[in-house]
Structure formats: C-alpha cells, structure tokens
PDB file of N, CA and C in Angstrom:
ATOM      1  N   UNK A   1     -41.694  40.741 -21.885  1.00  0.00           N
ATOM      2  CA  UNK A   1     -40.737  41.368 -20.991  1.00  0.00           C
ATOM      3  C   UNK A   1     -40.470  40.439 -19.813  1.00  0.00           C
ATOM      4  N   UNK A   2     -39.223  40.355 -19.449  1.00  0.00           N
ATOM      5  CA  UNK A   2     -38.819  39.525 -18.325  1.00  0.00           C
ATOM      6  C   UNK A   2     -39.208  40.238 -17.035  1.00  0.00           C
ATOM      7  N   UNK A   3     -39.800  39.490 -16.114  1.00  0.00           N
ATOM      8  CA  UNK A   3     -40.254  40.106 -14.876  1.00  0.00           C
ATOM      9  C   UNK A   3     -39.101  40.269 -13.889  1.00  0.00           C
ATOM     10  N   UNK A   4     -39.282  41.205 -12.981  1.00  0.00           N
ATOM     11  CA  UNK A   4     -38.282  41.441 -11.941  1.00  0.00           C
ATOM     12  C   UNK A   4     -38.149  40.225 -11.036  1.00  0.00           C
ATOM     13  N   UNK A   5     -39.273  39.601 -10.720  1.00  0.00           N
ATOM     14  CA  UNK A   5     -39.264  38.449  -9.832  1.00  0.00           C
ATOM     15  C   UNK A   5     -38.455  37.303 -10.424  1.00  0.00           C
ATOM     16  N   UNK A   6     -38.625  37.060 -11.719  1.00  0.00           N
ATOM     17  CA  UNK A   6     -37.897  35.980 -12.384  1.00  0.00           C
ATOM     18  C   UNK A   6     -36.398  36.243 -12.362  1.00  0.00           C
ATOM     19  N   UNK A   7     -35.997  37.476 -12.645  1.00  0.00           N
ATOM     20  CA  UNK A   7     -34.571  37.811 -12.644  1.00  0.00           C
ATOM     21  C   UNK A   7     -34.009  37.785 -11.225  1.00  0.00           C
ATOM     22  N   UNK A   8     -34.820  38.183 -10.256  1.00  0.00           N
ATOM     23  CA  UNK A   8     -34.368  38.178  -8.860  1.00  0.00           C
ATOM     24  C   UNK A   8     -34.111  36.747  -8.386  1.00  0.00           C
ATOM     25  N   UNK A   9     -35.018  35.829  -8.698  1.00  0.00           N
ATOM     26  CA  UNK A   9     -34.850  34.429  -8.304  1.00  0.00           C
ATOM     27  C   UNK A   9     -33.647  33.816  -9.011  1.00  0.00           C
ATOM     28  N   UNK A  10     -33.491  34.104 -10.298  1.00  0.00           N
ATOM     29  CA  UNK A  10     -32.365  33.570 -11.061  1.00  0.00           C
ATOM     30  C   UNK A  10     -31.044  34.077 -10.493  1.00  0.00           C
ATOM     31  N   UNK A  11     -30.945  35.355 -10.242  1.00  0.00           N
ATOM     32  CA  UNK A  11     -29.708  35.923  -9.711  1.00  0.00           C
ATOM     33  C   UNK A  11     -29.425  35.424  -8.293  1.00  0.00           C
ATOM     34  N   UNK A  12     -30.447  35.297  -7.474  1.00  0.00           N
ATOM     35  CA  UNK A  12     -30.266  34.806  -6.116  1.00  0.00           C
ATOM     36  C   UNK A  12     -29.772  33.359  -6.115  1.00  0.00           C
ATOM     37  N   UNK A  13     -30.368  32.515  -6.936  1.00  0.00           N
ATOM     38  CA  UNK A  13     -29.929  31.119  -7.039  1.00  0.00           C
ATOM     39  C   UNK A  13     -28.496  31.009  -7.507  1.00  0.00           C
ATOM     40  N   UNK A  14     -28.134  31.815  -8.511  1.00  0.00           N
ATOM     41  CA  UNK A  14     -26.762  31.786  -9.001  1.00  0.00           C
ATOM     42  C   UNK A  14     -25.778  32.282  -7.948  1.00  0.00           C
ATOM     43  N   UNK A  15     -26.157  33.327  -7.203  1.00  0.00           N
ATOM     44  CA  UNK A  15     -25.273  33.851  -6.156  1.00  0.00           C
ATOM     45  C   UNK A  15     -25.015  32.800  -5.087  1.00  0.00           C
ATOM     46  N   UNK A  16     -26.051  32.086  -4.685  1.00  0.00           N
ATOM     47  CA  UNK A  16     -25.890  31.048  -3.663  1.00  0.00           C
ATOM     48  C   UNK A  16     -24.970  29.945  -4.170  1.00  0.00           C
ATOM     49  N   UNK A  17     -25.151  29.513  -5.401  1.00  0.00           N
ATOM     50  CA  UNK A  17     -24.318  28.444  -5.935  1.00  0.00           C
ATOM     51  C   UNK A  17     -22.883  28.896  -6.171  1.00  0.00           C
ATOM     52  N   UNK A  18     -22.678  30.126  -6.638  1.00  0.00           N
ATOM     53  CA  UNK A  18     -21.319  30.647  -6.818  1.00  0.00           C
ATOM     54  C   UNK A  18     -20.616  30.756  -5.469  1.00  0.00           C
ATOM     55  N   UNK A  19     -21.316  31.237  -4.465  1.00  0.00           N
ATOM     56  CA  UNK A  19     -20.754  31.331  -3.125  1.00  0.00           C
ATOM     57  C   UNK A  19     -20.404  29.943  -2.585  1.00  0.00           C
ATOM     58  N   UNK A  20     -21.251  28.950  -2.847  1.00  0.00           N
ATOM     59  CA  UNK A  20     -20.961  27.586  -2.409  1.00  0.00           C
ATOM     60  C   UNK A  20     -19.712  27.039  -3.075  1.00  0.00           C
ATOM     61  N   UNK A  21     -19.540  27.305  -4.362  1.00  0.00           N
ATOM     62  CA  UNK A  21     -18.338  26.849  -5.066  1.00  0.00           C
ATOM     63  C   UNK A  21     -17.098  27.500  -4.468  1.00  0.00           C
ATOM     64  N   UNK A  22     -17.149  28.801  -4.237  1.00  0.00           N
ATOM     65  CA  UNK A  22     -15.999  29.518  -3.692  1.00  0.00           C
ATOM     66  C   UNK A  22     -15.666  29.031  -2.293  1.00  0.00           C
ATOM     67  N   UNK A  23     -16.677  28.867  -1.450  1.00  0.00           N
ATOM     68  CA  UNK A  23     -16.429  28.397  -0.088  1.00  0.00           C
ATOM     69  C   UNK A  23     -15.875  26.983  -0.063  1.00  0.00           C
ATOM     70  N   UNK A  24     -16.423  26.101  -0.875  1.00  0.00           N
ATOM     71  CA  UNK A  24     -15.909  24.734  -0.913  1.00  0.00           C
ATOM     72  C   UNK A  24     -14.494  24.673  -1.461  1.00  0.00           C
ATOM     73  N   UNK A  25     -14.211  25.500  -2.434  1.00  0.00           N
ATOM     74  CA  UNK A  25     -12.887  25.472  -3.043  1.00  0.00           C
ATOM     75  C   UNK A  25     -11.817  25.993  -2.097  1.00  0.00           C
ATOM     76  N   UNK A  26     -12.112  27.065  -1.378  1.00  0.00           N
ATOM     77  CA  UNK A  26     -11.085  27.673  -0.537  1.00  0.00           C
ATOM     78  C   UNK A  26     -11.064  27.159   0.896  1.00  0.00           C
ATOM     79  N   UNK A  27     -12.207  26.914   1.489  1.00  0.00           N
ATOM     80  CA  UNK A  27     -12.221  26.512   2.887  1.00  0.00           C
ATOM     81  C   UNK A  27     -11.992  25.013   3.079  1.00  0.00           C
ATOM     82  N   UNK A  28     -12.631  24.214   2.271  1.00  0.00           N
ATOM     83  CA  UNK A  28     -12.543  22.774   2.429  1.00  0.00           C
ATOM     84  C   UNK A  28     -11.466  22.184   1.520  1.00  0.00           C
ATOM     85  N   UNK A  29     -11.104  22.928   0.508  1.00  0.00           N
ATOM     86  CA  UNK A  29     -10.174  22.480  -0.515  1.00  0.00           C
ATOM     87  C   UNK A  29     -10.655  21.179  -1.157  1.00  0.00           C
ATOM     88  N   UNK A  30     -11.947  21.079  -1.296  1.00  0.00           N
ATOM     89  CA  UNK A  30     -12.540  19.883  -1.891  1.00  0.00           C
ATOM     90  C   UNK A  30     -12.844  20.106  -3.351  1.00  0.00           C
ATOM     91  N   UNK A  31     -11.939  19.710  -4.198  1.00  0.00           N
ATOM     92  CA  UNK A  31     -12.127  19.929  -5.629  1.00  0.00           C
ATOM     93  C   UNK A  31     -13.278  19.074  -6.141  1.00  0.00           C
ATOM     94  N   UNK A  32     -13.457  17.895  -5.592  1.00  0.00           N
ATOM     95  CA  UNK A  32     -14.555  17.044  -6.037  1.00  0.00           C
ATOM     96  C   UNK A  32     -15.904  17.687  -5.707  1.00  0.00           C
ATOM     97  N   UNK A  33     -16.071  18.178  -4.483  1.00  0.00           N
ATOM     98  CA  UNK A  33     -17.335  18.795  -4.092  1.00  0.00           C
ATOM     99  C   UNK A  33     -17.571  20.104  -4.832  1.00  0.00           C
ATOM    100  N   UNK A  34     -16.533  20.921  -4.954  1.00  0.00           N
ATOM    101  CA  UNK A  34     -16.728  22.182  -5.658  1.00  0.00           C
ATOM    102  C   UNK A  34     -16.997  21.942  -7.138  1.00  0.00           C
ATOM    103  N   UNK A  35     -16.400  20.914  -7.706  1.00  0.00           N
ATOM    104  CA  UNK A  35     -16.689  20.565  -9.096  1.00  0.00           C
ATOM    105  C   UNK A  35     -18.130  20.125  -9.276  1.00  0.00           C
ATOM    106  N   UNK A  36     -18.645  19.392  -8.293  1.00  0.00           N
ATOM    107  CA  UNK A  36     -20.034  18.943  -8.359  1.00  0.00           C
ATOM    108  C   UNK A  36     -20.992  20.128  -8.266  1.00  0.00           C
ATOM    109  N   UNK A  37     -20.729  21.057  -7.351  1.00  0.00           N
ATOM    110  CA  UNK A  37     -21.579  22.243  -7.218  1.00  0.00           C
ATOM    111  C   UNK A  37     -21.455  23.112  -8.468  1.00  0.00           C
ATOM    112  N   UNK A  38     -20.255  23.177  -9.049  1.00  0.00           N
ATOM    113  CA  UNK A  38     -20.053  23.936 -10.284  1.00  0.00           C
ATOM    114  C   UNK A  38     -20.891  23.352 -11.420  1.00  0.00           C
ATOM    115  N   UNK A  39     -20.982  22.044 -11.479  1.00  0.00           N
ATOM    116  CA  UNK A  39     -21.810  21.404 -12.505  1.00  0.00           C
ATOM    117  C   UNK A  39     -23.293  21.686 -12.246  1.00  0.00           C
ATOM    118  N   UNK A  40     -23.708  21.682 -10.984  1.00  0.00           N
ATOM    119  CA  UNK A  40     -25.103  22.032 -10.643  1.00  0.00           C
ATOM    120  C   UNK A  40     -25.395  23.476 -11.066  1.00  0.00           C
ATOM    121  N   UNK A  41     -24.443  24.376 -10.808  1.00  0.00           N
ATOM    122  CA  UNK A  41     -24.604  25.774 -11.218  1.00  0.00           C
ATOM    123  C   UNK A  41     -24.691  25.887 -12.731  1.00  0.00           C
ATOM    124  N   UNK A  42     -23.879  25.130 -13.457  1.00  0.00           N
ATOM    125  CA  UNK A  42     -23.932  25.168 -14.916  1.00  0.00           C
ATOM    126  C   UNK A  42     -25.279  24.651 -15.428  1.00  0.00           C
ATOM    127  N   UNK A  43     -25.821  23.620 -14.781  1.00  0.00           N
ATOM    128  CA  UNK A  43     -27.137  23.108 -15.179  1.00  0.00           C
ATOM    129  C   UNK A  43     -28.217  24.152 -14.907  1.00  0.00           C
ATOM    130  N   UNK A  44     -28.136  24.819 -13.748  1.00  0.00           N
ATOM    131  CA  UNK A  44     -29.083  25.897 -13.407  1.00  0.00           C
ATOM    132  C   UNK A  44     -29.053  26.971 -14.496  1.00  0.00           C
ATOM    133  N   UNK A  45     -27.828  27.388 -14.871  1.00  0.00           N
ATOM    134  CA  UNK A  45     -27.686  28.448 -15.858  1.00  0.00           C
ATOM    135  C   UNK A  45     -28.160  28.005 -17.232  1.00  0.00           C
ATOM    136  N   UNK A  46     -27.912  26.749 -17.592  1.00  0.00           N
ATOM    137  CA  UNK A  46     -28.355  26.254 -18.888  1.00  0.00           C
ATOM    138  C   UNK A  46     -29.879  26.250 -18.964  1.00  0.00           C
ATOM    139  N   UNK A  47     -30.538  25.797 -17.903  1.00  0.00           N
ATOM    140  CA  UNK A  47     -32.004  25.791 -17.880  1.00  0.00           C
ATOM    141  C   UNK A  47     -32.542  27.222 -17.915  1.00  0.00           C
ATOM    142  N   UNK A  48     -31.882  28.126 -17.190  1.00  0.00           N
ATOM    143  CA  UNK A  48     -32.288  29.522 -17.198  1.00  0.00           C
ATOM    144  C   UNK A  48     -32.158  30.135 -18.589  1.00  0.00           C
ATOM    145  N   UNK A  49     -31.052  29.864 -19.255  1.00  0.00           N
ATOM    146  CA  UNK A  49     -30.839  30.403 -20.599  1.00  0.00           C
ATOM    147  C   UNK A  49     -31.839  29.819 -21.591  1.00  0.00           C
ATOM    148  N   UNK A  50     -32.111  28.527 -21.485  1.00  0.00           N
ATOM    149  CA  UNK A  50     -33.093  27.904 -22.375  1.00  0.00           C
ATOM    150  C   UNK A  50     -34.490  28.483 -22.127  1.00  0.00           C
ATOM    151  N   UNK A  51     -34.817  28.734 -20.870  1.00  0.00           N
ATOM    152  CA  UNK A  51     -36.114  29.328 -20.539  1.00  0.00           C
ATOM    153  C   UNK A  51     -36.227  30.747 -21.095  1.00  0.00           C
ATOM    154  N   UNK A  52     -35.175  31.548 -20.900  1.00  0.00           N
ATOM    155  CA  UNK A  52     -35.201  32.908 -21.425  1.00  0.00           C
ATOM    156  C   UNK A  52     -35.279  32.927 -22.944  1.00  0.00           C
ATOM    157  N   UNK A  53     -34.616  31.996 -23.591  1.00  0.00           N
ATOM    158  CA  UNK A  53     -34.655  31.944 -25.048  1.00  0.00           C
ATOM    159  C   UNK A  53     -36.025  31.470 -25.542  1.00  0.00           C
ATOM    160  N   UNK A  54     -36.556  30.440 -24.928  1.00  0.00           N
ATOM    161  CA  UNK A  54     -37.814  29.858 -25.407  1.00  0.00           C
ATOM    162  C   UNK A  54     -39.022  30.730 -25.078  1.00  0.00           C
ATOM    163  N   UNK A  55     -39.113  31.187 -23.858  1.00  0.00           N
ATOM    164  CA  UNK A  55     -40.309  31.929 -23.432  1.00  0.00           C
ATOM    165  C   UNK A  55     -40.236  33.400 -23.840  1.00  0.00           C
ATOM    166  N   UNK A  56     -39.090  34.033 -23.590  1.00  0.00           N
ATOM    167  CA  UNK A  56     -38.983  35.479 -23.802  1.00  0.00           C
ATOM    168  C   UNK A  56     -38.266  35.858 -25.097  1.00  0.00           C
ATOM    169  N   UNK A  57     -37.842  34.881 -25.868  1.00  0.00           N
ATOM    170  CA  UNK A  57     -37.113  35.124 -27.133  1.00  0.00           C
ATOM    171  C   UNK A  57     -35.891  36.015 -26.907  1.00  0.00           C
ATOM    172  N   UNK A  58     -35.161  35.728 -25.845  1.00  0.00           N
ATOM    173  CA  UNK A  58     -33.972  36.492 -25.483  1.00  0.00           C
ATOM    174  C   UNK A  58     -32.797  35.945 -26.302  1.00  0.00           C
ATOM    175  N   UNK A  59     -32.560  36.536 -27.467  1.00  0.00           N
ATOM    176  CA  UNK A  59     -31.647  36.004 -28.471  1.00  0.00           C
ATOM    177  C   UNK A  59     -30.190  35.972 -27.993  1.00  0.00           C
ATOM    178  N   UNK A  60     -29.793  36.867 -27.084  1.00  0.00           N
ATOM    179  CA  UNK A  60     -28.404  36.882 -26.636  1.00  0.00           C
ATOM    180  C   UNK A  60     -28.007  35.603 -25.897  1.00  0.00           C
ATOM    181  N   UNK A  61     -28.947  34.794 -25.511  1.00  0.00           N
ATOM    182  CA  UNK A  61     -28.655  33.548 -24.808  1.00  0.00           C
ATOM    183  C   UNK A  61     -28.227  32.424 -25.753  1.00  0.00           C
ATOM    184  N   UNK A  62     -28.403  32.595 -27.044  1.00  0.00           N
ATOM    185  CA  UNK A  62     -28.061  31.549 -28.001  1.00  0.00           C
ATOM    186  C   UNK A  62     -26.566  31.241 -27.955  1.00  0.00           C
ATOM    187  N   UNK A  63     -25.726  32.273 -27.899  1.00  0.00           N
ATOM    188  CA  UNK A  63     -24.278  32.042 -27.862  1.00  0.00           C
ATOM    189  C   UNK A  63     -23.881  31.248 -26.625  1.00  0.00           C
ATOM    190  N   UNK A  64     -24.488  31.568 -25.491  1.00  0.00           N
ATOM    191  CA  UNK A  64     -24.189  30.819 -24.277  1.00  0.00           C
ATOM    192  C   UNK A  64     -24.626  29.357 -24.418  1.00  0.00           C
ATOM    193  N   UNK A  65     -25.813  29.129 -24.948  1.00  0.00           N
ATOM    194  CA  UNK A  65     -26.311  27.763 -25.081  1.00  0.00           C
ATOM    195  C   UNK A  65     -25.436  26.932 -26.009  1.00  0.00           C
ATOM    196  N   UNK A  66     -24.996  27.505 -27.098  1.00  0.00           N
ATOM    197  CA  UNK A  66     -24.105  26.779 -28.018  1.00  0.00           C
ATOM    198  C   UNK A  66     -22.788  26.425 -27.338  1.00  0.00           C
ATOM    199  N   UNK A  67     -22.205  27.387 -26.648  1.00  0.00           N
ATOM    200  CA  UNK A  67     -20.942  27.147 -25.960  1.00  0.00           C
ATOM    201  C   UNK A  67     -21.112  26.120 -24.852  1.00  0.00           C
ATOM    202  N   UNK A  68     -22.207  26.178 -24.119  1.00  0.00           N
ATOM    203  CA  UNK A  68     -22.452  25.229 -23.029  1.00  0.00           C
ATOM    204  C   UNK A  68     -22.627  23.810 -23.558  1.00  0.00           C
ATOM    205  N   UNK A  69     -23.289  23.655 -24.673  1.00  0.00           N
ATOM    206  CA  UNK A  69     -23.472  22.319 -25.249  1.00  0.00           C
ATOM    207  C   UNK A  69     -22.131  21.749 -25.696  1.00  0.00           C
ATOM    208  N   UNK A  70     -21.324  22.561 -26.353  1.00  0.00           N
ATOM    209  CA  UNK A  70     -20.006  22.092 -26.791  1.00  0.00           C
ATOM    210  C   UNK A  70     -19.143  21.720 -25.594  1.00  0.00           C
ATOM    211  N   UNK A  71     -19.172  22.534 -24.560  1.00  0.00           N
ATOM    212  CA  UNK A  71     -18.381  22.251 -23.361  1.00  0.00           C
ATOM    213  C   UNK A  71     -18.887  21.007 -22.636  1.00  0.00           C
ATOM    214  N   UNK A  72     -20.194  20.823 -22.576  1.00  0.00           N
ATOM    215  CA  UNK A  72     -20.759  19.651 -21.903  1.00  0.00           C
ATOM    216  C   UNK A  72     -20.383  18.354 -22.616  1.00  0.00           C
ATOM    217  N   UNK A  73     -20.337  18.411 -23.925  1.00  0.00           N
ATOM    218  CA  UNK A  73     -19.966  17.221 -24.685  1.00  0.00           C
ATOM    219  C   UNK A  73     -18.479  16.910 -24.521  1.00  0.00           C
ATOM    220  N   UNK A  74     -17.658  17.943 -24.481  1.00  0.00           N
ATOM    221  CA  UNK A  74     -16.211  17.715 -24.423  1.00  0.00           C
ATOM    222  C   UNK A  74     -15.645  17.627 -23.009  1.00  0.00           C
ATOM    223  N   UNK A  75     -16.417  17.969 -21.979  1.00  0.00           N
ATOM    224  CA  UNK A  75     -15.900  17.964 -20.611  1.00  0.00           C
ATOM    225  C   UNK A  75     -15.399  16.600 -20.146  1.00  0.00           C
ATOM    226  N   UNK A  76     -16.107  15.496 -20.365  1.00  0.00           N
ATOM    227  CA  UNK A  76     -15.554  14.204 -19.923  1.00  0.00           C
ATOM    228  C   UNK A  76     -14.225  13.851 -20.584  1.00  0.00           C
ATOM    229  N   UNK A  77     -14.074  14.223 -21.823  1.00  0.00           N
ATOM    230  CA  UNK A  77     -12.806  13.955 -22.518  1.00  0.00           C
ATOM    231  C   UNK A  77     -11.679  14.761 -21.897  1.00  0.00           C
ATOM    232  N   UNK A  78     -11.930  16.041 -21.625  1.00  0.00           N
ATOM    233  CA  UNK A  78     -10.909  16.891 -21.030  1.00  0.00           C
ATOM    234  C   UNK A  78     -10.590  16.478 -19.598  1.00  0.00           C
ATOM    235  N   UNK A  79     -11.587  16.013 -18.860  1.00  0.00           N
ATOM    236  CA  UNK A  79     -11.320  15.522 -17.507  1.00  0.00           C
ATOM    237  C   UNK A  79     -10.408  14.306 -17.565  1.00  0.00           C
ATOM    238  N   UNK A  80     -10.632  13.449 -18.556  1.00  0.00           N
ATOM    239  CA  UNK A  80      -9.776  12.272 -18.719  1.00  0.00           C
ATOM    240  C   UNK A  80      -8.332  12.663 -19.048  1.00  0.00           C
ATOM    241  N   UNK A  81      -8.155  13.667 -19.914  1.00  0.00           N
ATOM    242  CA  UNK A  81      -6.811  14.034 -20.344  1.00  0.00           C
ATOM    243  C   UNK A  81      -6.063  14.930 -19.366  1.00  0.00           C
ATOM    244  N   UNK A  82      -6.716  15.965 -18.825  1.00  0.00           N
ATOM    245  CA  UNK A  82      -5.980  16.915 -17.984  1.00  0.00           C
ATOM    246  C   UNK A  82      -6.465  16.980 -16.545  1.00  0.00           C
ATOM    247  N   UNK A  83      -7.417  16.159 -16.174  1.00  0.00           N
ATOM    248  CA  UNK A  83      -7.842  16.086 -14.777  1.00  0.00           C
ATOM    249  C   UNK A  83      -8.681  17.277 -14.344  1.00  0.00           C
ATOM    250  N   UNK A  84      -8.390  17.778 -13.162  1.00  0.00           N
ATOM    251  CA  UNK A  84      -9.209  18.833 -12.564  1.00  0.00           C
ATOM    252  C   UNK A  84      -9.077  20.180 -13.258  1.00  0.00           C
ATOM    253  N   UNK A  85      -8.052  20.362 -14.057  1.00  0.00           N
ATOM    254  CA  UNK A  85      -7.924  21.624 -14.800  1.00  0.00           C
ATOM    255  C   UNK A  85      -8.996  21.772 -15.874  1.00  0.00           C
ATOM    256  N   UNK A  86      -9.694  20.697 -16.168  1.00  0.00           N
ATOM    257  CA  UNK A  86     -10.769  20.753 -17.159  1.00  0.00           C
ATOM    258  C   UNK A  86     -11.956  21.564 -16.652  1.00  0.00           C
ATOM    259  N   UNK A  87     -12.019  21.796 -15.340  1.00  0.00           N
ATOM    260  CA  UNK A  87     -13.110  22.590 -14.795  1.00  0.00           C
ATOM    261  C   UNK A  87     -12.911  24.093 -15.003  1.00  0.00           C
ATOM    262  N   UNK A  88     -11.737  24.521 -15.397  1.00  0.00           N
ATOM    263  CA  UNK A  88     -11.489  25.952 -15.614  1.00  0.00           C
ATOM    264  C   UNK A  88     -12.343  26.541 -16.741  1.00  0.00           C
ATOM    265  N   UNK A  89     -12.461  25.881 -17.905  1.00  0.00           N
ATOM    266  CA  UNK A  89     -13.375  26.443 -18.916  1.00  0.00           C
ATOM    267  C   UNK A  89     -14.825  26.464 -18.439  1.00  0.00           C
ATOM    268  N   UNK A  90     -15.224  25.471 -17.651  1.00  0.00           N
ATOM    269  CA  UNK A  90     -16.572  25.471 -17.098  1.00  0.00           C
ATOM    270  C   UNK A  90     -16.759  26.638 -16.142  1.00  0.00           C
ATOM    271  N   UNK A  91     -15.744  26.919 -15.335  1.00  0.00           N
ATOM    272  CA  UNK A  91     -15.811  28.067 -14.424  1.00  0.00           C
ATOM    273  C   UNK A  91     -15.892  29.378 -15.213  1.00  0.00           C
ATOM    274  N   UNK A  92     -15.160  29.462 -16.319  1.00  0.00           N
ATOM    275  CA  UNK A  92     -15.234  30.649 -17.166  1.00  0.00           C
ATOM    276  C   UNK A  92     -16.611  30.825 -17.786  1.00  0.00           C
ATOM    277  N   UNK A  93     -17.214  29.725 -18.206  1.00  0.00           N
ATOM    278  CA  UNK A  93     -18.554  29.777 -18.777  1.00  0.00           C
ATOM    279  C   UNK A  93     -19.572  30.210 -17.728  1.00  0.00           C
ATOM    280  N   UNK A  94     -19.433  29.689 -16.521  1.00  0.00           N
ATOM    281  CA  UNK A  94     -20.327  30.059 -15.425  1.00  0.00           C
ATOM    282  C   UNK A  94     -20.181  31.542 -15.105  1.00  0.00           C
ATOM    283  N   UNK A  95     -18.953  32.027 -15.060  1.00  0.00           N
ATOM    284  CA  UNK A  95     -18.705  33.435 -14.781  1.00  0.00           C
ATOM    285  C   UNK A  95     -19.286  34.321 -15.879  1.00  0.00           C
ATOM    286  N   UNK A  96     -19.151  33.914 -17.135  1.00  0.00           N
ATOM    287  CA  UNK A  96     -19.702  34.657 -18.273  1.00  0.00           C
ATOM    288  C   UNK A  96     -21.220  34.800 -18.117  1.00  0.00           C
ATOM    289  N   UNK A  97     -21.920  33.719 -17.823  1.00  0.00           N
ATOM    290  CA  UNK A  97     -23.368  33.785 -17.698  1.00  0.00           C
ATOM    291  C   UNK A  97     -23.780  34.567 -16.450  1.00  0.00           C
ATOM    292  N   UNK A  98     -23.019  34.439 -15.371  1.00  0.00           N
ATOM    293  CA  UNK A  98     -23.327  35.169 -14.146  1.00  0.00           C
ATOM    294  C   UNK A  98     -23.247  36.674 -14.387  1.00  0.00           C
ATOM    295  N   UNK A  99     -22.211  37.120 -15.075  1.00  0.00           N
ATOM    296  CA  UNK A  99     -22.078  38.548 -15.394  1.00  0.00           C
ATOM    297  C   UNK A  99     -23.202  38.997 -16.334  1.00  0.00           C
ATOM    298  N   UNK A 100     -23.551  38.164 -17.290  1.00  0.00           N
ATOM    299  CA  UNK A 100     -24.646  38.492 -18.207  1.00  0.00           C
ATOM    300  C   UNK A 100     -25.973  38.599 -17.450  1.00  0.00           C
ATOM    301  N   UNK A 101     -26.186  37.740 -16.469  1.00  0.00           N
ATOM    302  CA  UNK A 101     -27.410  37.795 -15.666  1.00  0.00           C
ATOM    303  C   UNK A 101     -27.442  39.063 -14.823  1.00  0.00           C
ATOM    304  N   UNK A 102     -26.310  39.453 -14.265  1.00  0.00           N
ATOM    305  CA  UNK A 102     -26.257  40.699 -13.487  1.00  0.00           C
ATOM    306  C   UNK A 102     -26.607  41.888 -14.374  1.00  0.00           C
ATOM    307  N   UNK A 103     -26.033  41.944 -15.571  1.00  0.00           N
ATOM    308  CA  UNK A 103     -26.335  43.043 -16.501  1.00  0.00           C
ATOM    309  C   UNK A 103     -27.819  43.077 -16.864  1.00  0.00           C
ATOM    310  N   UNK A 104     -28.387  41.913 -17.163  1.00  0.00           N
ATOM    311  CA  UNK A 104     -29.804  41.865 -17.531  1.00  0.00           C
ATOM    312  C   UNK A 104     -30.703  42.229 -16.354  1.00  0.00           C
ATOM    313  N   UNK A 105     -30.313  41.842 -15.142  1.00  0.00           N
ATOM    314  CA  UNK A 105     -31.096  42.211 -13.968  1.00  0.00           C
ATOM    315  C   UNK A 105     -31.078  43.715 -13.759  1.00  0.00           C
ATOM    316  N   UNK A 106     -29.941  44.347 -13.971  1.00  0.00           N
ATOM    317  CA  UNK A 106     -29.853  45.805 -13.860  1.00  0.00           C
ATOM    318  C   UNK A 106     -30.750  46.471 -14.892  1.00  0.00           C
ATOM    319  N   UNK A 107     -30.757  45.949 -16.124  1.00  0.00           N
ATOM    320  CA  UNK A 107     -31.615  46.502 -17.170  1.00  0.00           C
ATOM    321  C   UNK A 107     -33.087  46.341 -16.796  1.00  0.00           C
ATOM    322  N   UNK A 108     -33.460  45.178 -16.284  1.00  0.00           N
ATOM    323  CA  UNK A 108     -34.853  44.931 -15.907  1.00  0.00           C
ATOM    324  C   UNK A 108     -35.271  45.855 -14.767  1.00  0.00           C
ATOM    325  N   UNK A 109     -34.391  46.083 -13.810  1.00  0.00           N
ATOM    326  CA  UNK A 109     -34.749  46.945 -12.675  1.00  0.00           C
ATOM    327  C   UNK A 109     -34.764  48.430 -13.042  1.00  0.00           C
ATOM    328  N   UNK A 110     -34.112  48.822 -14.110  1.00  0.00           N
ATOM    329  CA  UNK A 110     -34.120  50.231 -14.514  1.00  0.00           C
ATOM    330  C   UNK A 110     -35.316  50.604 -15.359  1.00  0.00           C
ATOM    331  N   UNK A 111     -35.971  49.639 -15.965  1.00  0.00           N
ATOM    332  CA  UNK A 111     -37.104  49.974 -16.824  1.00  0.00           C
ATOM    333  C   UNK A 111     -38.337  50.256 -15.978  1.00  0.00           C
ATOM    334  N   UNK A 112     -39.243  51.043 -16.493  1.00  0.00           N
ATOM    335  CA  UNK A 112     -40.477  51.338 -15.745  1.00  0.00           C
ATOM    336  C   UNK A 112     -41.318  50.076 -15.585  1.00  0.00           C
ATOM    337  N   UNK A 113     -41.968  49.979 -14.466  1.00  0.00           N
ATOM    338  CA  UNK A 113     -42.794  48.803 -14.177  1.00  0.00           C
ATOM    339  C   UNK A 113     -44.147  48.921 -14.870  1.00  0.00           C
ATOM    340  N   UNK A 114     -44.616  47.822 -15.382  1.00  0.00           N
ATOM    341  CA  UNK A 114     -45.938  47.786 -15.985  1.00  0.00           C
ATOM    342  C   UNK A 114     -46.949  47.259 -14.976  1.00  0.00           C
ATOM    343  N   UNK A 115     -48.174  47.272 -15.354  1.00  0.00           N
ATOM    344  CA  UNK A 115     -49.226  46.773 -14.475  1.00  0.00           C
ATOM    345  C   UNK A 115     -49.035  45.280 -14.195  1.00  0.00           C
ATOM    346  N   UNK A 116     -48.549  44.512 -15.172  1.00  0.00           N
ATOM    347  CA  UNK A 116     -48.413  43.062 -15.047  1.00  0.00           C
ATOM    348  C   UNK A 116     -47.153  42.664 -14.304  1.00  0.00           C
ATOM    349  N   UNK A 117     -46.303  43.588 -14.015  1.00  0.00           N
ATOM    350  CA  UNK A 117     -45.027  43.290 -13.365  1.00  0.00           C
ATOM    351  C   UNK A 117     -45.054  43.745 -11.902  1.00  0.00           C
ATOM    352  N   UNK A 118     -46.113  43.426 -11.189  1.00  0.00           N
ATOM    353  CA  UNK A 118     -46.289  43.914  -9.829  1.00  0.00           C
ATOM    354  C   UNK A 118     -45.629  43.026  -8.773  1.00  0.00           C
ATOM    355  N   UNK A 119     -45.092  41.908  -9.138  1.00  0.00           N
ATOM    356  CA  UNK A 119     -44.476  40.986  -8.153  1.00  0.00           C
ATOM    357  C   UNK A 119     -43.143  41.504  -7.715  1.00  0.00           C
TER     358      UNK A 119
END
C-alpha cells in the first residue's frame, strides 16, 4: 500500500513545479525557462511513476511510462520541426499525470490507516 507521506510529498513537489511553470510562462513570458522547468517536472513524474510501478506494483502507471518514453524520444525531433509548440504534448502529459496523482492521493487519504502508515 502506498503511504500517505509518499503521496503527499509527490503531490507537493508536482504542485510546486506546476506553479513554477505557470508563473514563468505568464509573468516572465520566458518560454525557455518554463520549458526547462516543464522538463524537470516531467523527469520528476517519470521517476515517481517508475517508483510506484517497481515498488508498489501500481499497474496503471505503465501507460504513462510508455507514453513518456515515446514523447522523450521524439521531443528533440519535434522541437526541431515546430519549435516551441513541441512542448504542448509534454504539457498534456504532465497534466495527465498530475490529475492521476491527485486522484490516487484522494484514494490513499480515504482508506483507513494501518499501523504501518503512521507518518
């Protein structure tokens, strides 16, 4: 079972990075900086999904991992061809995982706590 503490840290980290992307994109209008933070957020989410799949056997993360690998391989090509618009599929992937993390956090917080989940 996934612990509340693990989901809380994962969701908090993603919220901070999503907020940083939004603030950089709208306030500074820095597409380069927001793209860099977006890539950091995607790496955070990929490591989180791999951890959930490997340690907790969370099978729903497989679809995200497959899509993220395909997007990571093709992102440099799309950046070369269409420029900054290539970050839109990455933003969609980040949003997909962020919503999935929120749903899983709600499920984890609704279940009864066990003795081992005291953190």
